[in-house]
PDB file of N, CA and C in Angstrom:
ATOM      1  N   UNK A   1     266.146 -95.279  73.205  1.00  0.00           N
ATOM      2  CA  UNK A   1     267.544 -95.150  73.563  1.00  0.00           C
ATOM      3  C   UNK A   1     267.865 -96.216  74.604  1.00  0.00           C
ATOM      4  N   UNK A   2     268.879 -96.978  74.329  1.00  0.00           N
ATOM      5  CA  UNK A   2     269.357 -97.991  75.268  1.00  0.00           C
ATOM      6  C   UNK A   2     270.748 -97.588  75.740  1.00  0.00           C
ATOM      7  N   UNK A   3     270.984 -97.690  77.035  1.00  0.00           N
ATOM      8  CA  UNK A   3     272.298 -97.389  77.585  1.00  0.00           C
ATOM      9  C   UNK A   3     272.765 -98.553  78.420  1.00  0.00           C
ATOM     10  N   UNK A   4     274.061 -98.782  78.406  1.00  0.00           N
ATOM     11  CA  UNK A   4     274.616 -99.848  79.217  1.00  0.00           C
ATOM     12  C   UNK A   4     275.865-100.411  78.585  1.00  0.00           C
ATOM     13  N   UNK A   5     276.330-101.490  79.144  1.00  0.00           N
ATOM     14  CA  UNK A   5     277.490-102.180  78.583  1.00  0.00           C
ATOM     15  C   UNK A   5     277.097-102.784  77.242  1.00  0.00           C
ATOM     16  N   UNK A   6     278.060-102.950  76.382  1.00  0.00           N
ATOM     17  CA  UNK A   6     277.796-103.483  75.050  1.00  0.00           C
ATOM     18  C   UNK A   6     277.099-104.838  75.128  1.00  0.00           C
ATOM     19  N   UNK A   7     277.542-105.689  76.037  1.00  0.00           N
ATOM     20  CA  UNK A   7     276.931-107.019  76.147  1.00  0.00           C
ATOM     21  C   UNK A   7     275.470-106.928  76.577  1.00  0.00           C
ATOM     22  N   UNK A   8     275.151-105.972  77.457  1.00  0.00           N
ATOM     23  CA  UNK A   8     273.771-105.796  77.914  1.00  0.00           C
ATOM     24  C   UNK A   8     272.877-105.280  76.789  1.00  0.00           C
ATOM     25  N   UNK A   9     273.379-104.305  76.048  1.00  0.00           N
ATOM     26  CA  UNK A   9     272.590-103.732  74.950  1.00  0.00           C
ATOM     27  C   UNK A   9     272.392-104.773  73.857  1.00  0.00           C
ATOM     28  N   UNK A  10     273.439-105.529  73.534  1.00  0.00           N
ATOM     29  CA  UNK A  10     273.327-106.562  72.508  1.00  0.00           C
ATOM     30  C   UNK A  10     272.321-107.629  72.913  1.00  0.00           C
ATOM     31  N   UNK A  11     272.277-107.976  74.181  1.00  0.00           N
ATOM     32  CA  UNK A  11     271.336-108.993  74.653  1.00  0.00           C
ATOM     33  C   UNK A  11     269.895-108.498  74.570  1.00  0.00           C
ATOM     34  N   UNK A  12     269.693-107.196  74.724  1.00  0.00           N
ATOM     35  CA  UNK A  12     268.322-106.676  74.692  1.00  0.00           C
ATOM     36  C   UNK A  12     267.804-106.480  73.263  1.00  0.00           C
ATOM     37  N   UNK A  13     268.682-106.529  72.291  1.00  0.00           N
ATOM     38  CA  UNK A  13     268.277-106.397  70.885  1.00  0.00           C
ATOM     39  C   UNK A  13     268.279-107.775  70.240  1.00  0.00           C
ATOM     40  N   UNK A  14     267.110-108.354  70.056  1.00  0.00           N
ATOM     41  CA  UNK A  14     267.077-109.685  69.447  1.00  0.00           C
ATOM     42  C   UNK A  14     267.432-109.582  67.963  1.00  0.00           C
ATOM     43  N   UNK A  15     266.618-108.915  67.187  1.00  0.00           N
ATOM     44  CA  UNK A  15     266.899-108.687  65.773  1.00  0.00           C
ATOM     45  C   UNK A  15     266.571-107.231  65.476  1.00  0.00           C
ATOM     46  N   UNK A  16     267.584-106.392  65.476  1.00  0.00           N
ATOM     47  CA  UNK A  16     267.300-104.973  65.247  1.00  0.00           C
ATOM     48  C   UNK A  16     266.800-104.739  63.824  1.00  0.00           C
ATOM     49  N   UNK A  17     265.816-103.877  63.703  1.00  0.00           N
ATOM     50  CA  UNK A  17     265.308-103.499  62.382  1.00  0.00           C
ATOM     51  C   UNK A  17     265.777-102.081  62.100  1.00  0.00           C
ATOM     52  N   UNK A  18     266.268-101.869  60.930  1.00  0.00           N
ATOM     53  CA  UNK A  18     266.704-100.526  60.557  1.00  0.00           C
ATOM     54  C   UNK A  18     268.136-100.251  60.995  1.00  0.00           C
ATOM     55  N   UNK A  19     268.349 -99.023  61.303  1.00  0.00           N
ATOM     56  CA  UNK A  19     269.695 -98.551  61.593  1.00  0.00           C
ATOM     57  C   UNK A  19     269.975 -98.577  63.091  1.00  0.00           C
ATOM     58  N   UNK A  20     271.192 -98.917  63.441  1.00  0.00           N
ATOM     59  CA  UNK A  20     271.621 -98.906  64.835  1.00  0.00           C
ATOM     60  C   UNK A  20     272.837 -97.993  64.923  1.00  0.00           C
ATOM     61  N   UNK A  21     272.806 -97.065  65.866  1.00  0.00           N
ATOM     62  CA  UNK A  21     273.932 -96.154  66.078  1.00  0.00           C
ATOM     63  C   UNK A  21     274.543 -96.476  67.425  1.00  0.00           C
ATOM     64  N   UNK A  22     275.836 -96.651  67.435  1.00  0.00           N
ATOM     65  CA  UNK A  22     276.558 -96.968  68.648  1.00  0.00           C
ATOM     66  C   UNK A  22     277.424 -95.774  69.009  1.00  0.00           C
ATOM     67  N   UNK A  23     277.258 -95.232  70.215  1.00  0.00           N
ATOM     68  CA  UNK A  23     278.048 -94.106  70.698  1.00  0.00           C
ATOM     69  C   UNK A  23     278.891 -94.610  71.857  1.00  0.00           C
ATOM     70  N   UNK A  24     280.187 -94.430  71.741  1.00  0.00           N
ATOM     71  CA  UNK A  24     281.103 -94.903  72.768  1.00  0.00           C
ATOM     72  C   UNK A  24     281.724 -93.697  73.456  1.00  0.00           C
ATOM     73  N   UNK A  25     281.647 -93.688  74.770  1.00  0.00           N
ATOM     74  CA  UNK A  25     282.228 -92.590  75.537  1.00  0.00           C
ATOM     75  C   UNK A  25     283.738 -92.762  75.600  1.00  0.00           C
ATOM     76  N   UNK A  26     284.457 -91.664  75.449  1.00  0.00           N
ATOM     77  CA  UNK A  26     285.909 -91.697  75.533  1.00  0.00           C
ATOM     78  C   UNK A  26     286.378 -91.813  76.969  1.00  0.00           C
ATOM     79  N   UNK A  27     287.653 -92.055  77.111  1.00  0.00           N
ATOM     80  CA  UNK A  27     288.241 -92.156  78.447  1.00  0.00           C
ATOM     81  C   UNK A  27     288.256 -90.794  79.119  1.00  0.00           C
ATOM     82  N   UNK A  28     288.137 -90.803  80.406  1.00  0.00           N
ATOM     83  CA  UNK A  28     288.205 -89.557  81.166  1.00  0.00           C
ATOM     84  C   UNK A  28     289.619 -89.007  81.085  1.00  0.00           C
ATOM     85  N   UNK A  29     289.753 -87.690  81.001  1.00  0.00           N
ATOM     86  CA  UNK A  29     291.098 -87.115  80.924  1.00  0.00           C
ATOM     87  C   UNK A  29     291.881 -87.417  82.201  1.00  0.00           C
ATOM     88  N   UNK A  30     293.152 -87.711  82.003  1.00  0.00           N
ATOM     89  CA  UNK A  30     293.983 -88.012  83.164  1.00  0.00           C
ATOM     90  C   UNK A  30     294.394 -86.721  83.848  1.00  0.00           C
ATOM     91  N   UNK A  31     294.707 -86.816  85.115  1.00  0.00           N
ATOM     92  CA  UNK A  31     295.128 -85.639  85.873  1.00  0.00           C
ATOM     93  C   UNK A  31     296.405 -85.054  85.294  1.00  0.00           C
ATOM     94  N   UNK A  32     297.389 -85.879  85.080  1.00  0.00           N
ATOM     95  CA  UNK A  32     298.641 -85.441  84.502  1.00  0.00           C
ATOM     96  C   UNK A  32     299.307 -84.339  85.315  1.00  0.00           C
ATOM     97  N   UNK A  33     300.548 -84.039  84.998  1.00  0.00           N
ATOM     98  CA  UNK A  33     301.258 -82.988  85.722  1.00  0.00           C
ATOM     99  C   UNK A  33     300.710 -81.605  85.363  1.00  0.00           C
ATOM    100  N   UNK A  34     300.741 -80.692  86.329  1.00  0.00           N
ATOM    101  CA  UNK A  34     300.236 -79.356  86.049  1.00  0.00           C
ATOM    102  C   UNK A  34     301.323 -78.525  85.360  1.00  0.00           C
ATOM    103  N   UNK A  35     300.944 -77.382  84.863  1.00  0.00           N
ATOM    104  CA  UNK A  35     301.841 -76.542  84.072  1.00  0.00           C
ATOM    105  C   UNK A  35     303.036 -76.086  84.889  1.00  0.00           C
ATOM    106  N   UNK A  36     302.848 -75.770  86.165  1.00  0.00           N
ATOM    107  CA  UNK A  36     303.974 -75.345  87.006  1.00  0.00           C
ATOM    108  C   UNK A  36     305.028 -76.438  87.132  1.00  0.00           C
ATOM    109  N   UNK A  37     304.568 -77.670  87.261  1.00  0.00           N
ATOM    110  CA  UNK A  37     305.509 -78.787  87.355  1.00  0.00           C
ATOM    111  C   UNK A  37     306.284 -78.951  86.046  1.00  0.00           C
ATOM    112  N   UNK A  38     305.579 -78.792  84.923  1.00  0.00           N
ATOM    113  CA  UNK A  38     306.245 -78.926  83.625  1.00  0.00           C
ATOM    114  C   UNK A  38     307.252 -77.810  83.406  1.00  0.00           C
ATOM    115  N   UNK A  39     306.904 -76.593  83.819  1.00  0.00           N
ATOM    116  CA  UNK A  39     307.838 -75.473  83.688  1.00  0.00           C
ATOM    117  C   UNK A  39     309.059 -75.736  84.569  1.00  0.00           C
ATOM    118  N   UNK A  40     308.853 -76.346  85.720  1.00  0.00           N
ATOM    119  CA  UNK A  40     309.983 -76.722  86.571  1.00  0.00           C
ATOM    120  C   UNK A  40     310.918 -77.687  85.869  1.00  0.00           C
ATOM    121  N   UNK A  41     310.350 -78.631  85.143  1.00  0.00           N
ATOM    122  CA  UNK A  41     311.184 -79.572  84.365  1.00  0.00           C
ATOM    123  C   UNK A  41     311.969 -78.834  83.287  1.00  0.00           C
ATOM    124  N   UNK A  42     311.303 -77.878  82.633  1.00  0.00           N
ATOM    125  CA  UNK A  42     311.989 -77.078  81.603  1.00  0.00           C
ATOM    126  C   UNK A  42     313.150 -76.324  82.237  1.00  0.00           C
ATOM    127  N   UNK A  43     312.914 -75.699  83.381  1.00  0.00           N
ATOM    128  CA  UNK A  43     313.969 -74.938  84.056  1.00  0.00           C
ATOM    129  C   UNK A  43     315.138 -75.836  84.454  1.00  0.00           C
ATOM    130  N   UNK A  44     314.842 -77.054  84.881  1.00  0.00           N
ATOM    131  CA  UNK A  44     315.909 -77.995  85.233  1.00  0.00           C
ATOM    132  C   UNK A  44     316.766 -78.319  84.016  1.00  0.00           C
ATOM    133  N   UNK A  45     316.128 -78.535  82.875  1.00  0.00           N
ATOM    134  CA  UNK A  45     316.878 -78.850  81.654  1.00  0.00           C
ATOM    135  C   UNK A  45     317.690 -77.651  81.180  1.00  0.00           C
ATOM    136  N   UNK A  46     317.137 -76.447  81.315  1.00  0.00           N
ATOM    137  CA  UNK A  46     317.876 -75.236  80.936  1.00  0.00           C
ATOM    138  C   UNK A  46     319.084 -75.068  81.847  1.00  0.00           C
ATOM    139  N   UNK A  47     318.913 -75.313  83.135  1.00  0.00           N
ATOM    140  CA  UNK A  47     320.025 -75.218  84.088  1.00  0.00           C
ATOM    141  C   UNK A  47     321.114 -76.241  83.772  1.00  0.00           C
ATOM    142  N   UNK A  48     320.706 -77.363  83.160  1.00  0.00           N
ATOM    143  CA  UNK A  48     321.667 -78.400  82.803  1.00  0.00           C
ATOM    144  C   UNK A  48     322.370 -78.116  81.477  1.00  0.00           C
ATOM    145  N   UNK A  49     321.974 -77.007  80.811  1.00  0.00           N
ATOM    146  CA  UNK A  49     322.681 -76.613  79.594  1.00  0.00           C
ATOM    147  C   UNK A  49     321.880 -76.642  78.312  1.00  0.00           C
ATOM    148  N   UNK A  50     320.644 -77.090  78.346  1.00  0.00           N
ATOM    149  CA  UNK A  50     319.818 -77.100  77.131  1.00  0.00           C
ATOM    150  C   UNK A  50     319.317 -75.691  76.841  1.00  0.00           C
ATOM    151  N   UNK A  51     319.043 -75.431  75.586  1.00  0.00           N
ATOM    152  CA  UNK A  51     318.377 -74.172  75.254  1.00  0.00           C
ATOM    153  C   UNK A  51     316.927 -74.270  75.715  1.00  0.00           C
ATOM    154  N   UNK A  52     316.321 -73.118  75.977  1.00  0.00           N
ATOM    155  CA  UNK A  52     314.923 -73.120  76.424  1.00  0.00           C
ATOM    156  C   UNK A  52     314.038 -73.782  75.370  1.00  0.00           C
ATOM    157  N   UNK A  53     314.292 -73.494  74.112  1.00  0.00           N
ATOM    158  CA  UNK A  53     313.491 -74.070  73.024  1.00  0.00           C
ATOM    159  C   UNK A  53     313.577 -75.593  73.025  1.00  0.00           C
ATOM    160  N   UNK A  54     314.790 -76.119  73.139  1.00  0.00           N
ATOM    161  CA  UNK A  54     314.967 -77.576  73.138  1.00  0.00           C
ATOM    162  C   UNK A  54     314.374 -78.212  74.392  1.00  0.00           C
ATOM    163  N   UNK A  55     314.522 -77.520  75.524  1.00  0.00           N
ATOM    164  CA  UNK A  55     313.977 -78.040  76.779  1.00  0.00           C
ATOM    165  C   UNK A  55     312.454 -78.109  76.720  1.00  0.00           C
ATOM    166  N   UNK A  56     311.828 -77.057  76.203  1.00  0.00           N
ATOM    167  CA  UNK A  56     310.371 -77.051  76.057  1.00  0.00           C
ATOM    168  C   UNK A  56     309.939 -78.177  75.120  1.00  0.00           C
ATOM    169  N   UNK A  57     310.656 -78.341  74.019  1.00  0.00           N
ATOM    170  CA  UNK A  57     310.330 -79.409  73.073  1.00  0.00           C
ATOM    171  C   UNK A  57     310.433 -80.788  73.697  1.00  0.00           C
ATOM    172  N   UNK A  58     311.476 -81.002  74.493  1.00  0.00           N
ATOM    173  CA  UNK A  58     311.667 -82.314  75.125  1.00  0.00           C
ATOM    174  C   UNK A  58     310.572 -82.603  76.142  1.00  0.00           C
ATOM    175  N   UNK A  59     310.236 -81.594  76.961  1.00  0.00           N
ATOM    176  CA  UNK A  59     309.198 -81.802  77.980  1.00  0.00           C
ATOM    177  C   UNK A  59     307.833 -81.983  77.307  1.00  0.00           C
ATOM    178  N   UNK A  60     307.557 -81.186  76.292  1.00  0.00           N
ATOM    179  CA  UNK A  60     306.276 -81.300  75.588  1.00  0.00           C
ATOM    180  C   UNK A  60     306.137 -82.675  74.934  1.00  0.00           C
ATOM    181  N   UNK A  61     307.199 -83.142  74.317  1.00  0.00           N
ATOM    182  CA  UNK A  61     307.144 -84.446  73.646  1.00  0.00           C
ATOM    183  C   UNK A  61     306.961 -85.587  74.643  1.00  0.00           C
ATOM    184  N   UNK A  62     307.625 -85.503  75.790  1.00  0.00           N
ATOM    185  CA  UNK A  62     307.544 -86.602  76.750  1.00  0.00           C
ATOM    186  C   UNK A  62     306.234 -86.616  77.537  1.00  0.00           C
ATOM    187  N   UNK A  63     305.551 -85.465  77.616  1.00  0.00           N
ATOM    188  CA  UNK A  63     304.322 -85.409  78.412  1.00  0.00           C
ATOM    189  C   UNK A  63     303.060 -85.223  77.584  1.00  0.00           C
ATOM    190  N   UNK A  64     303.210 -84.817  76.331  1.00  0.00           N
ATOM    191  CA  UNK A  64     302.040 -84.541  75.500  1.00  0.00           C
ATOM    192  C   UNK A  64     301.441 -83.172  75.756  1.00  0.00           C
ATOM    193  N   UNK A  65     302.136 -82.342  76.528  1.00  0.00           N
ATOM    194  CA  UNK A  65     301.657 -80.987  76.814  1.00  0.00           C
ATOM    195  C   UNK A  65     301.780 -80.124  75.566  1.00  0.00           C
ATOM    196  N   UNK A  66     300.894 -79.143  75.395  1.00  0.00           N
ATOM    197  CA  UNK A  66     301.000 -78.243  74.240  1.00  0.00           C
ATOM    198  C   UNK A  66     302.277 -77.402  74.330  1.00  0.00           C
ATOM    199  N   UNK A  67     303.073 -77.468  73.286  1.00  0.00           N
ATOM    200  CA  UNK A  67     304.374 -76.810  73.291  1.00  0.00           C
ATOM    201  C   UNK A  67     304.257 -75.297  73.437  1.00  0.00           C
ATOM    202  N   UNK A  68     303.317 -74.683  72.731  1.00  0.00           N
ATOM    203  CA  UNK A  68     303.190 -73.224  72.793  1.00  0.00           C
ATOM    204  C   UNK A  68     302.830 -72.744  74.188  1.00  0.00           C
ATOM    205  N   UNK A  69     301.887 -73.392  74.824  1.00  0.00           N
ATOM    206  CA  UNK A  69     301.485 -72.994  76.173  1.00  0.00           C
ATOM    207  C   UNK A  69     302.635 -73.191  77.155  1.00  0.00           C
ATOM    208  N   UNK A  70     303.357 -74.268  77.010  1.00  0.00           N
ATOM    209  CA  UNK A  70     304.490 -74.543  77.886  1.00  0.00           C
ATOM    210  C   UNK A  70     305.587 -73.502  77.684  1.00  0.00           C
ATOM    211  N   UNK A  71     305.857 -73.133  76.451  1.00  0.00           N
ATOM    212  CA  UNK A  71     306.892 -72.134  76.162  1.00  0.00           C
ATOM    213  C   UNK A  71     306.502 -70.775  76.740  1.00  0.00           C
ATOM    214  N   UNK A  72     305.235 -70.388  76.561  1.00  0.00           N
ATOM    215  CA  UNK A  72     304.779 -69.101  77.116  1.00  0.00           C
ATOM    216  C   UNK A  72     304.881 -69.105  78.637  1.00  0.00           C
ATOM    217  N   UNK A  73     304.519 -70.200  79.264  1.00  0.00           N
ATOM    218  CA  UNK A  73     304.601 -70.289  80.722  1.00  0.00           C
ATOM    219  C   UNK A  73     306.053 -70.235  81.185  1.00  0.00           C
ATOM    220  N   UNK A  74     306.952 -70.878  80.463  1.00  0.00           N
ATOM    221  CA  UNK A  74     308.373 -70.863  80.821  1.00  0.00           C
ATOM    222  C   UNK A  74     308.934 -69.452  80.660  1.00  0.00           C
ATOM    223  N   UNK A  75     308.519 -68.745  79.647  1.00  0.00           N
ATOM    224  CA  UNK A  75     308.978 -67.365  79.464  1.00  0.00           C
ATOM    225  C   UNK A  75     308.438 -66.458  80.554  1.00  0.00           C
ATOM    226  N   UNK A  76     307.224 -66.727  81.013  1.00  0.00           N
ATOM    227  CA  UNK A  76     306.619 -65.921  82.062  1.00  0.00           C
ATOM    228  C   UNK A  76     307.356 -66.038  83.382  1.00  0.00           C
ATOM    229  N   UNK A  77     308.034 -67.141  83.602  1.00  0.00           N
ATOM    230  CA  UNK A  77     308.788 -67.340  84.837  1.00  0.00           C
ATOM    231  C   UNK A  77     310.211 -66.841  84.750  1.00  0.00           C
ATOM    232  N   UNK A  78     310.631 -66.459  83.558  1.00  0.00           N
ATOM    233  CA  UNK A  78     311.996 -66.029  83.342  1.00  0.00           C
ATOM    234  C   UNK A  78     312.310 -64.795  84.182  1.00  0.00           C
ATOM    235  N   UNK A  79     313.413 -64.824  84.862  1.00  0.00           N
ATOM    236  CA  UNK A  79     313.798 -63.662  85.669  1.00  0.00           C
ATOM    237  C   UNK A  79     314.658 -62.736  84.820  1.00  0.00           C
ATOM    238  N   UNK A  80     314.338 -61.475  84.861  1.00  0.00           N
ATOM    239  CA  UNK A  80     315.082 -60.491  84.045  1.00  0.00           C
ATOM    240  C   UNK A  80     316.186 -59.859  84.836  1.00  0.00           C
TER     241      UNK A  80
END
């Protein structure tokens, strides 16, 4: 097993025999806004006249947040 930058690994392999498997690590997840902040954005849009459904959809689309989780969280904050 060789680990390192692609250029380092390529330099250490003169003529590979057989099969070579390359595993690339993905990017670390970004911090991004937390759910409370996103629900706050939804509430702001609802206060401005949007329906809760449309507001959740707009915030989810612009942030990549899961729509269902955001909608449930927004409903949980709803005052009766």
